[in-house]
Amino acid sequence: MAGREEETAPSEEQQHQIDSPPVGPEDMQPAGRTQASEERAEGSGAAASQYGAVSLETTPELFKLKRFFVLRPGSLNQAITDIESLVDKEVDGSIHSVWLMAEVDHWNNEKERLVLITDNTLLVFKYDFVLFRCEQAQRIPLNYVDRISHGAFSFPQHSLLQREGEGMRIFWDRLREPSFISRWNPFTTDFPFITFTYHPVRYISDKFSALCDIEIFRDQLKEAAQKAHARNPVPGKANGILVLNQHIHIEAYVGLMSFLGNQNKLGYCMARGNIGF
């Protein structure tokens, strides 16, 4: 009879588990996971950081998005810490905001970028979320920014390329046009403008939506540029900034390289089978 009671009567620890509410995904903490638990978390969709948690819905599109290394727990926080350490306070001033964007080059290639707006500059970083290092940085003085255009993308009439969605383009030398050689060189960076569009992970959570919000980014950039113009005007240059709602034109026609690259997201740090790029 004593053995019977021992089987049916819950222990103190079991009674505590019965009285406690069930633990949901929102109660799970990413800290202290082993490699095996990380793999199980990836399969269940439990990838989280202070910038938002990934939904556990198992849709094909969400499965693809989870391959982006920027969604790995702690990756974005580490990246932001690294790029903020590269800010020169004397040149750039204080940091206003951090953004996660996709740059679109003159050949329609997408490239993952982290962007900082500071007092005096717009900083664009190419960051490796696999090795956690900054590979390239571009500094654009805000008092030189003279125009921002935003709208849908467009291509030449006989171009075979197309791009859905909208973007924005930032100009800082309206009097200089890219040369013919620059237009046809896929590796040229000598352009007086830069083009951004939404990062693919913007719908993964509300926090990532805020980090990838181009409209708010545009408004903050305009405000920061206007203050930079007033604080440090450029001699011989008309001060002020224009914001235009117009098509973002990309003068590319065939673009086989961009088609293959964009389809396979080669401009992003993400898992590709057993190999991460």
C-alpha atoms as a PDB file:
ATOM      1  CA  MET A   1       0.000   0.000   0.000  1.00  0.00           C
ATOM      2  CA  ALA A   2       2.863   2.365   0.803  1.00  0.00           C
ATOM      3  CA  GLY A   3       4.323   1.669  -2.639  1.00  0.00           C
ATOM      4  CA  ARG A   4       0.991   2.512  -4.208  1.00  0.00           C
ATOM      5  CA  GLU A   5       0.922   5.910  -2.486  1.00  0.00           C
ATOM      6  CA  GLU A   6       4.491   6.586  -3.552  1.00  0.00           C
ATOM      7  CA  GLU A   7       3.528   6.119  -7.207  1.00  0.00           C
ATOM      8  CA  THR A   8       0.450   8.335  -7.182  1.00  0.00           C
ATOM      9  CA  ALA A   9       1.298  11.105  -4.783  1.00  0.00           C
ATOM     10  CA  PRO A  10       3.235  13.912  -6.510  1.00  0.00           C
ATOM     11  CA  SER A  11       6.485  14.966  -4.994  1.00  0.00           C
ATOM     12  CA  GLU A  12       7.135  18.530  -3.859  1.00  0.00           C
ATOM     13  CA  GLU A  13       8.994  19.292  -7.112  1.00  0.00           C
ATOM     14  CA  GLN A  14       6.200  17.763  -9.224  1.00  0.00           C
ATOM     15  CA  GLN A  15       3.571  19.724  -7.293  1.00  0.00           C
ATOM     16  CA  HIS A  16       5.502  22.921  -8.005  1.00  0.00           C
ATOM     17  CA  GLN A  17       5.495  22.101 -11.725  1.00  0.00           C
ATOM     18  CA  ILE A  18       1.752  21.444 -11.666  1.00  0.00           C
ATOM     19  CA  ASP A  19       0.978  24.704  -9.878  1.00  0.00           C
ATOM     20  CA  SER A  20       3.289  26.760 -12.118  1.00  0.00           C
ATOM     21  CA  PRO A  21       1.994  28.086 -15.467  1.00  0.00           C
ATOM     22  CA  PRO A  22       3.445  26.530 -18.624  1.00  0.00           C
ATOM     23  CA  VAL A  23       6.590  28.168 -19.984  1.00  0.00           C
ATOM     24  CA  GLY A  24       6.074  29.716 -23.410  1.00  0.00           C
ATOM     25  CA  PRO A  25       8.604  30.784 -26.074  1.00  0.00           C
ATOM     26  CA  GLU A  26       8.602  34.317 -24.694  1.00  0.00           C
ATOM     27  CA  ASP A  27       9.987  33.010 -21.370  1.00  0.00           C
ATOM     28  CA  MET A  28      12.969  31.309 -22.987  1.00  0.00           C
ATOM     29  CA  GLN A  29      16.335  33.023 -22.606  1.00  0.00           C
ATOM     30  CA  PRO A  30      19.010  32.831 -25.337  1.00  0.00           C
ATOM     31  CA  ALA A  31      21.904  33.080 -22.872  1.00  0.00           C
ATOM     32  CA  GLY A  32      23.849  29.985 -21.973  1.00  0.00           C
ATOM     33  CA  ARG A  33      22.712  27.759 -24.836  1.00  0.00           C
ATOM     34  CA  THR A  34      24.940  24.994 -26.050  1.00  0.00           C
ATOM     35  CA  GLN A  35      25.581  24.325 -29.716  1.00  0.00           C
ATOM     36  CA  ALA A  36      23.033  21.500 -29.696  1.00  0.00           C
ATOM     37  CA  SER A  37      20.372  23.685 -28.094  1.00  0.00           C
ATOM     38  CA  GLU A  38      21.126  26.420 -30.634  1.00  0.00           C
ATOM     39  CA  GLU A  39      20.415  23.983 -33.431  1.00  0.00           C
ATOM     40  CA  ARG A  40      17.146  22.943 -31.811  1.00  0.00           C
ATOM     41  CA  ALA A  41      16.235  26.595 -31.333  1.00  0.00           C
ATOM     42  CA  GLU A  42      16.893  27.257 -35.001  1.00  0.00           C
ATOM     43  CA  GLY A  43      14.572  24.425 -35.968  1.00  0.00           C
ATOM     44  CA  SER A  44      11.793  25.689 -33.691  1.00  0.00           C
ATOM     45  CA  GLY A  45      12.214  29.315 -34.697  1.00  0.00           C
ATOM     46  CA  ALA A  46      13.360  30.590 -31.277  1.00  0.00           C
ATOM     47  CA  ALA A  47      15.858  33.221 -32.413  1.00  0.00           C
ATOM     48  CA  ALA A  48      15.702  36.321 -30.261  1.00  0.00           C
ATOM     49  CA  SER A  49      17.612  39.400 -29.188  1.00  0.00           C
ATOM     50  CA  GLN A  50      16.762  42.647 -27.459  1.00  0.00           C
ATOM     51  CA  TYR A  51      15.650  43.882 -30.880  1.00  0.00           C
ATOM     52  CA  GLY A  52      12.792  41.391 -31.094  1.00  0.00           C
ATOM     53  CA  ALA A  53      11.946  37.711 -31.204  1.00  0.00           C
ATOM     54  CA  VAL A  54      11.333  35.626 -34.287  1.00  0.00           C
ATOM     55  CA  SER A  55       7.837  34.167 -34.575  1.00  0.00           C
ATOM     56  CA  LEU A  56       7.480  30.406 -34.221  1.00  0.00           C
ATOM     57  CA  GLU A  57       5.256  30.135 -37.279  1.00  0.00           C
ATOM     58  CA  THR A  58       6.792  27.607 -39.671  1.00  0.00           C
ATOM     59  CA  THR A  59       6.117  29.101 -43.068  1.00  0.00           C
ATOM     60  CA  PRO A  60       8.513  28.610 -46.011  1.00  0.00           C
ATOM     61  CA  GLU A  61       9.207  32.345 -46.164  1.00  0.00           C
ATOM     62  CA  LEU A  62      10.014  32.523 -42.455  1.00  0.00           C
ATOM     63  CA  PHE A  63      12.290  29.506 -42.796  1.00  0.00           C
ATOM     64  CA  LYS A  64      14.264  31.387 -45.462  1.00  0.00           C
ATOM     65  CA  LEU A  65      14.466  34.537 -43.345  1.00  0.00           C
ATOM     66  CA  LYS A  66      15.836  32.623 -40.354  1.00  0.00           C
ATOM     67  CA  ARG A  67      18.982  31.900 -42.359  1.00  0.00           C
ATOM     68  CA  PHE A  68      20.099  35.543 -42.059  1.00  0.00           C
ATOM     69  CA  PHE A  69      22.895  35.757 -39.505  1.00  0.00           C
ATOM     70  CA  VAL A  70      21.680  39.155 -38.343  1.00  0.00           C
ATOM     71  CA  LEU A  71      18.817  37.277 -36.630  1.00  0.00           C
ATOM     72  CA  ARG A  72      21.117  35.065 -34.564  1.00  0.00           C
ATOM     73  CA  PRO A  73      20.893  35.848 -30.833  1.00  0.00           C
ATOM     74  CA  GLY A  74      23.321  38.631 -29.978  1.00  0.00           C
ATOM     75  CA  SER A  75      24.580  39.167 -33.548  1.00  0.00           C
ATOM     76  CA  LEU A  76      22.950  42.538 -34.108  1.00  0.00           C
ATOM     77  CA  ASN A  77      23.897  43.806 -30.658  1.00  0.00           C
ATOM     78  CA  GLN A  78      27.531  42.857 -31.227  1.00  0.00           C
ATOM     79  CA  ALA A  79      27.523  44.466 -34.683  1.00  0.00           C
ATOM     80  CA  ILE A  80      26.123  47.742 -33.358  1.00  0.00           C
ATOM     81  CA  THR A  81      28.709  47.796 -30.578  1.00  0.00           C
ATOM     82  CA  ASP A  82      31.491  47.225 -33.112  1.00  0.00           C
ATOM     83  CA  ILE A  83      30.436  49.941 -35.548  1.00  0.00           C
ATOM     84  CA  GLU A  84      29.735  52.468 -32.802  1.00  0.00           C
ATOM     85  CA  SER A  85      33.328  52.011 -31.640  1.00  0.00           C
ATOM     86  CA  LEU A  86      34.463  53.206 -35.092  1.00  0.00           C
ATOM     87  CA  VAL A  87      32.701  56.553 -34.790  1.00  0.00           C
ATOM     88  CA  ASP A  88      35.107  59.469 -34.479  1.00  0.00           C
ATOM     89  CA  LYS A  89      33.484  61.853 -31.998  1.00  0.00           C
ATOM     90  CA  GLU A  90      35.549  64.819 -33.196  1.00  0.00           C
ATOM     91  CA  VAL A  91      34.587  64.318 -36.852  1.00  0.00           C
ATOM     92  CA  ASP A  92      31.193  62.649 -36.683  1.00  0.00           C
ATOM     93  CA  GLY A  93      29.752  63.965 -33.440  1.00  0.00           C
ATOM     94  CA  SER A  94      27.145  62.103 -31.427  1.00  0.00           C
ATOM     95  CA  ILE A  95      25.194  59.136 -32.752  1.00  0.00           C
ATOM     96  CA  HIS A  96      21.509  59.786 -33.435  1.00  0.00           C
ATOM     97  CA  SER A  97      20.208  56.462 -34.740  1.00  0.00           C
ATOM     98  CA  VAL A  98      21.137  53.044 -36.123  1.00  0.00           C
ATOM     99  CA  TRP A  99      19.519  51.416 -39.171  1.00  0.00           C
ATOM    100  CA  LEU A 100      19.570  48.071 -40.959  1.00  0.00           C
ATOM    101  CA  MET A 101      19.284  48.591 -44.712  1.00  0.00           C
ATOM    102  CA  ALA A 102      19.949  47.020 -48.088  1.00  0.00           C
ATOM    103  CA  GLU A 103      22.060  49.061 -50.491  1.00  0.00           C
ATOM    104  CA  VAL A 104      21.267  48.793 -54.205  1.00  0.00           C
ATOM    105  CA  ASP A 105      24.217  49.622 -56.443  1.00  0.00           C
ATOM    106  CA  HIS A 106      24.209  50.948 -60.010  1.00  0.00           C
ATOM    107  CA  TRP A 107      24.016  47.384 -61.375  1.00  0.00           C
ATOM    108  CA  ASN A 108      21.013  46.497 -59.220  1.00  0.00           C
ATOM    109  CA  ASN A 109      23.011  44.370 -56.750  1.00  0.00           C
ATOM    110  CA  GLU A 110      21.683  44.208 -53.187  1.00  0.00           C
ATOM    111  CA  LYS A 111      24.132  44.493 -50.295  1.00  0.00           C
ATOM    112  CA  GLU A 112      23.458  44.279 -46.567  1.00  0.00           C
ATOM    113  CA  ARG A 113      24.393  47.461 -44.699  1.00  0.00           C
ATOM    114  CA  LEU A 114      24.341  48.973 -41.228  1.00  0.00           C
ATOM    115  CA  VAL A 115      23.843  52.742 -41.259  1.00  0.00           C
ATOM    116  CA  LEU A 116      24.456  55.370 -38.589  1.00  0.00           C
ATOM    117  CA  ILE A 117      23.170  58.939 -38.551  1.00  0.00           C
ATOM    118  CA  THR A 118      25.371  61.216 -36.455  1.00  0.00           C
ATOM    119  CA  ASP A 119      25.590  64.965 -35.919  1.00  0.00           C
ATOM    120  CA  ASN A 120      27.809  65.553 -38.939  1.00  0.00           C
ATOM    121  CA  THR A 121      27.931  62.419 -41.071  1.00  0.00           C
ATOM    122  CA  LEU A 122      26.059  59.496 -42.547  1.00  0.00           C
ATOM    123  CA  LEU A 123      28.090  56.348 -41.921  1.00  0.00           C
ATOM    124  CA  VAL A 124      27.487  53.248 -44.040  1.00  0.00           C
ATOM    125  CA  PHE A 125      29.097  49.985 -42.910  1.00  0.00           C
ATOM    126  CA  LYS A 126      29.578  46.650 -44.610  1.00  0.00           C
ATOM    127  CA  TYR A 127      29.583  44.278 -41.658  1.00  0.00           C
ATOM    128  CA  ASP A 128      30.394  40.577 -41.587  1.00  0.00           C
ATOM    129  CA  PHE A 129      27.845  38.969 -39.236  1.00  0.00           C
ATOM    130  CA  VAL A 130      29.711  35.656 -39.491  1.00  0.00           C
ATOM    131  CA  LEU A 131      33.158  36.823 -38.326  1.00  0.00           C
ATOM    132  CA  PHE A 132      31.843  39.886 -36.445  1.00  0.00           C
ATOM    133  CA  ARG A 133      34.012  42.478 -38.103  1.00  0.00           C
ATOM    134  CA  CYS A 134      33.532  45.630 -40.151  1.00  0.00           C
ATOM    135  CA  GLU A 135      34.875  45.142 -43.665  1.00  0.00           C
ATOM    136  CA  GLN A 136      34.166  48.553 -45.167  1.00  0.00           C
ATOM    137  CA  ALA A 137      33.003  51.987 -44.014  1.00  0.00           C
ATOM    138  CA  GLN A 138      31.802  54.972 -46.018  1.00  0.00           C
ATOM    139  CA  ARG A 139      31.580  58.452 -44.477  1.00  0.00           C
ATOM    140  CA  ILE A 140      29.233  60.992 -46.125  1.00  0.00           C
ATOM    141  CA  PRO A 141      29.292  64.559 -44.681  1.00  0.00           C
ATOM    142  CA  LEU A 142      25.721  65.657 -44.004  1.00  0.00           C
ATOM    143  CA  ASN A 143      26.416  69.278 -44.921  1.00  0.00           C
ATOM    144  CA  TYR A 144      27.134  68.056 -48.472  1.00  0.00           C
ATOM    145  CA  VAL A 145      23.851  66.140 -48.807  1.00  0.00           C
ATOM    146  CA  ASP A 146      21.638  68.269 -51.030  1.00  0.00           C
ATOM    147  CA  ARG A 147      18.847  65.979 -52.236  1.00  0.00           C
ATOM    148  CA  ILE A 148      16.880  62.907 -51.192  1.00  0.00           C
ATOM    149  CA  SER A 149      14.570  61.165 -53.637  1.00  0.00           C
ATOM    150  CA  HIS A 150      12.196  58.345 -52.772  1.00  0.00           C
ATOM    151  CA  GLY A 151       9.751  56.204 -54.710  1.00  0.00           C
ATOM    152  CA  ALA A 152       9.438  53.064 -56.807  1.00  0.00           C
ATOM    153  CA  PHE A 153      12.387  51.706 -58.781  1.00  0.00           C
ATOM    154  CA  SER A 154      12.536  52.114 -62.537  1.00  0.00           C
ATOM    155  CA  PHE A 155      14.756  50.798 -65.341  1.00  0.00           C
ATOM    156  CA  PRO A 156      15.436  51.754 -68.976  1.00  0.00           C
ATOM    157  CA  GLN A 157      12.700  50.892 -71.465  1.00  0.00           C
ATOM    158  CA  HIS A 158      14.469  47.859 -72.930  1.00  0.00           C
ATOM    159  CA  SER A 159      15.971  46.599 -69.692  1.00  0.00           C
ATOM    160  CA  LEU A 160      15.416  42.965 -68.736  1.00  0.00           C
ATOM    161  CA  LEU A 161      15.603  43.808 -65.041  1.00  0.00           C
ATOM    162  CA  GLN A 162      12.891  44.655 -62.596  1.00  0.00           C
ATOM    163  CA  ARG A 163      12.661  45.388 -58.871  1.00  0.00           C
ATOM    164  CA  GLU A 164       9.603  45.457 -56.672  1.00  0.00           C
ATOM    165  CA  GLY A 165       9.063  47.850 -53.815  1.00  0.00           C
ATOM    166  CA  GLU A 166      10.358  51.306 -53.088  1.00  0.00           C
ATOM    167  CA  GLY A 167      13.642  52.848 -52.055  1.00  0.00           C
ATOM    168  CA  MET A 168      15.447  56.108 -51.487  1.00  0.00           C
ATOM    169  CA  ARG A 169      18.511  57.735 -52.992  1.00  0.00           C
ATOM    170  CA  ILE A 170      20.771  60.231 -51.233  1.00  0.00           C
ATOM    171  CA  PHE A 171      22.731  62.753 -53.343  1.00  0.00           C
ATOM    172  CA  TRP A 172      25.643  64.868 -52.121  1.00  0.00           C
ATOM    173  CA  ASP A 173      26.969  66.506 -55.302  1.00  0.00           C
ATOM    174  CA  ARG A 174      24.241  67.514 -57.708  1.00  0.00           C
ATOM    175  CA  LEU A 175      26.731  69.105 -60.119  1.00  0.00           C
ATOM    176  CA  ARG A 176      28.733  65.932 -60.716  1.00  0.00           C
ATOM    177  CA  GLU A 177      27.487  63.128 -62.945  1.00  0.00           C
ATOM    178  CA  PRO A 178      29.029  59.641 -63.017  1.00  0.00           C
ATOM    179  CA  SER A 179      31.345  59.069 -65.957  1.00  0.00           C
ATOM    180  CA  PHE A 180      30.596  56.571 -68.733  1.00  0.00           C
ATOM    181  CA  ILE A 181      33.313  54.236 -67.415  1.00  0.00           C
ATOM    182  CA  SER A 182      31.888  54.380 -63.901  1.00  0.00           C
ATOM    183  CA  ARG A 183      28.412  53.474 -65.121  1.00  0.00           C
ATOM    184  CA  TRP A 184      29.658  50.333 -66.864  1.00  0.00           C
ATOM    185  CA  ASN A 185      32.098  49.217 -64.193  1.00  0.00           C
ATOM    186  CA  PRO A 186      30.280  46.926 -61.711  1.00  0.00           C
ATOM    187  CA  PHE A 187      32.923  47.564 -59.032  1.00  0.00           C
ATOM    188  CA  THR A 188      32.922  51.354 -59.195  1.00  0.00           C
ATOM    189  CA  THR A 189      32.110  53.211 -55.990  1.00  0.00           C
ATOM    190  CA  ASP A 190      32.783  56.690 -57.373  1.00  0.00           C
ATOM    191  CA  PHE A 191      29.166  57.830 -57.413  1.00  0.00           C
ATOM    192  CA  PRO A 192      27.770  61.034 -55.863  1.00  0.00           C
ATOM    193  CA  PHE A 193      24.780  59.144 -54.474  1.00  0.00           C
ATOM    194  CA  ILE A 194      23.805  56.010 -52.601  1.00  0.00           C
ATOM    195  CA  THR A 195      20.582  54.003 -52.853  1.00  0.00           C
ATOM    196  CA  PHE A 196      18.803  52.066 -50.118  1.00  0.00           C
ATOM    197  CA  THR A 197      15.823  49.756 -49.950  1.00  0.00           C
ATOM    198  CA  TYR A 198      14.213  47.623 -47.267  1.00  0.00           C
ATOM    199  CA  HIS A 199      16.158  44.775 -45.683  1.00  0.00           C
ATOM    200  CA  PRO A 200      14.422  41.388 -46.205  1.00  0.00           C
ATOM    201  CA  VAL A 201      14.040  40.763 -42.444  1.00  0.00           C
ATOM    202  CA  ARG A 202      11.914  43.859 -41.792  1.00  0.00           C
ATOM    203  CA  TYR A 203       8.738  41.819 -41.208  1.00  0.00           C
ATOM    204  CA  ILE A 204      10.308  39.354 -38.762  1.00  0.00           C
ATOM    205  CA  SER A 205       9.285  41.438 -35.726  1.00  0.00           C
ATOM    206  CA  ASP A 206       8.168  44.934 -34.753  1.00  0.00           C
ATOM    207  CA  LYS A 207      11.669  45.816 -33.580  1.00  0.00           C
ATOM    208  CA  PHE A 208      13.266  44.863 -36.878  1.00  0.00           C
ATOM    209  CA  SER A 209      10.517  46.756 -38.703  1.00  0.00           C
ATOM    210  CA  ALA A 210      11.585  49.867 -36.810  1.00  0.00           C
ATOM    211  CA  LEU A 211      15.269  49.290 -37.637  1.00  0.00           C
ATOM    212  CA  CYS A 212      14.445  48.915 -41.342  1.00  0.00           C
ATOM    213  CA  ASP A 213      11.869  51.725 -41.653  1.00  0.00           C
ATOM    214  CA  ILE A 214      13.018  53.808 -44.607  1.00  0.00           C
ATOM    215  CA  GLU A 215      10.408  56.543 -44.109  1.00  0.00           C
ATOM    216  CA  ILE A 216      11.527  57.334 -40.566  1.00  0.00           C
ATOM    217  CA  PHE A 217      15.156  57.001 -41.677  1.00  0.00           C
ATOM    218  CA  ARG A 218      14.493  59.560 -44.413  1.00  0.00           C
ATOM    219  CA  ASP A 219      12.866  62.013 -42.004  1.00  0.00           C
ATOM    220  CA  GLN A 220      15.697  61.759 -39.483  1.00  0.00           C
ATOM    221  CA  LEU A 221      18.318  62.091 -42.191  1.00  0.00           C
ATOM    222  CA  LYS A 222      16.629  65.203 -43.561  1.00  0.00           C
ATOM    223  CA  GLU A 223      16.505  66.799 -40.118  1.00  0.00           C
ATOM    224  CA  ALA A 224      20.134  65.948 -39.355  1.00  0.00           C
ATOM    225  CA  ALA A 225      21.295  67.245 -42.757  1.00  0.00           C
ATOM    226  CA  GLN A 226      19.431  70.530 -42.313  1.00  0.00           C
ATOM    227  CA  LYS A 227      21.094  71.080 -38.953  1.00  0.00           C
ATOM    228  CA  ALA A 228      24.491  70.226 -40.436  1.00  0.00           C
ATOM    229  CA  HIS A 229      23.941  72.743 -43.264  1.00  0.00           C
ATOM    230  CA  ALA A 230      23.044  75.468 -40.762  1.00  0.00           C
ATOM    231  CA  ARG A 231      25.931  74.615 -38.444  1.00  0.00           C
ATOM    232  CA  ASN A 232      28.641  74.189 -41.075  1.00  0.00           C
ATOM    233  CA  PRO A 233      27.661  75.622 -44.480  1.00  0.00           C
ATOM    234  CA  VAL A 234      29.850  74.740 -47.462  1.00  0.00           C
ATOM    235  CA  PRO A 235      31.304  77.836 -49.206  1.00  0.00           C
ATOM    236  CA  GLY A 236      30.052  78.228 -52.774  1.00  0.00           C
ATOM    237  CA  LYS A 237      27.388  75.578 -52.326  1.00  0.00           C
ATOM    238  CA  ALA A 238      23.678  76.223 -51.978  1.00  0.00           C
ATOM    239  CA  ASN A 239      22.674  75.225 -48.484  1.00  0.00           C
ATOM    240  CA  GLY A 240      19.527  73.238 -47.853  1.00  0.00           C
ATOM    241  CA  ILE A 241      18.153  69.874 -48.857  1.00  0.00           C
ATOM    242  CA  LEU A 242      15.403  68.863 -51.278  1.00  0.00           C
ATOM    243  CA  VAL A 243      13.166  65.829 -50.693  1.00  0.00           C
ATOM    244  CA  LEU A 244      11.566  64.617 -53.922  1.00  0.00           C
ATOM    245  CA  ASN A 245       8.989  61.904 -54.524  1.00  0.00           C
ATOM    246  CA  GLN A 246      10.121  60.364 -57.810  1.00  0.00           C
ATOM    247  CA  HIS A 247      11.230  57.097 -59.374  1.00  0.00           C
ATOM    248  CA  ILE A 248      14.603  55.669 -58.371  1.00  0.00           C
ATOM    249  CA  HIS A 249      16.148  55.017 -61.775  1.00  0.00           C
ATOM    250  CA  ILE A 250      18.737  52.259 -62.207  1.00  0.00           C
ATOM    251  CA  GLU A 251      20.464  52.353 -65.569  1.00  0.00           C
ATOM    252  CA  ALA A 252      21.070  48.623 -66.005  1.00  0.00           C
ATOM    253  CA  TYR A 253      19.864  46.480 -68.900  1.00  0.00           C
ATOM    254  CA  VAL A 254      20.779  42.784 -68.653  1.00  0.00           C
ATOM    255  CA  GLY A 255      22.258  42.318 -65.200  1.00  0.00           C
ATOM    256  CA  LEU A 256      22.734  38.550 -65.142  1.00  0.00           C
ATOM    257  CA  MET A 257      25.131  38.945 -62.220  1.00  0.00           C
ATOM    258  CA  SER A 258      22.605  40.943 -60.201  1.00  0.00           C
ATOM    259  CA  PHE A 259      19.803  38.530 -61.060  1.00  0.00           C
ATOM    260  CA  LEU A 260      21.747  35.537 -59.766  1.00  0.00           C
ATOM    261  CA  GLY A 261      23.153  37.445 -56.817  1.00  0.00           C
ATOM    262  CA  ASN A 262      19.825  38.874 -55.666  1.00  0.00           C
ATOM    263  CA  GLN A 263      17.971  35.601 -56.122  1.00  0.00           C
ATOM    264  CA  ASN A 264      20.506  33.825 -53.910  1.00  0.00           C
ATOM    265  CA  LYS A 265      20.976  36.801 -51.546  1.00  0.00           C
ATOM    266  CA  LEU A 266      24.738  36.790 -52.104  1.00  0.00           C
ATOM    267  CA  GLY A 267      25.003  40.321 -50.726  1.00  0.00           C
ATOM    268  CA  TYR A 268      23.832  39.174 -47.289  1.00  0.00           C
ATOM    269  CA  CYS A 269      25.442  37.203 -44.472  1.00  0.00           C
ATOM    270  CA  MET A 270      23.326  34.088 -44.249  1.00  0.00           C
ATOM    271  CA  ALA A 271      23.514  30.318 -43.917  1.00  0.00           C
ATOM    272  CA  ARG A 272      23.815  28.465 -47.215  1.00  0.00           C
ATOM    273  CA  GLY A 273      23.591  24.764 -46.509  1.00  0.00           C
ATOM    274  CA  ASN A 274      26.658  23.785 -44.508  1.00  0.00           C
ATOM    275  CA  ILE A 275      28.588  26.906 -45.558  1.00  0.00           C
ATOM    276  CA  GLY A 276      28.025  30.463 -44.332  1.00  0.00           C
ATOM    277  CA  PHE A 277      29.067  33.434 -46.450  1.00  0.00           C
END
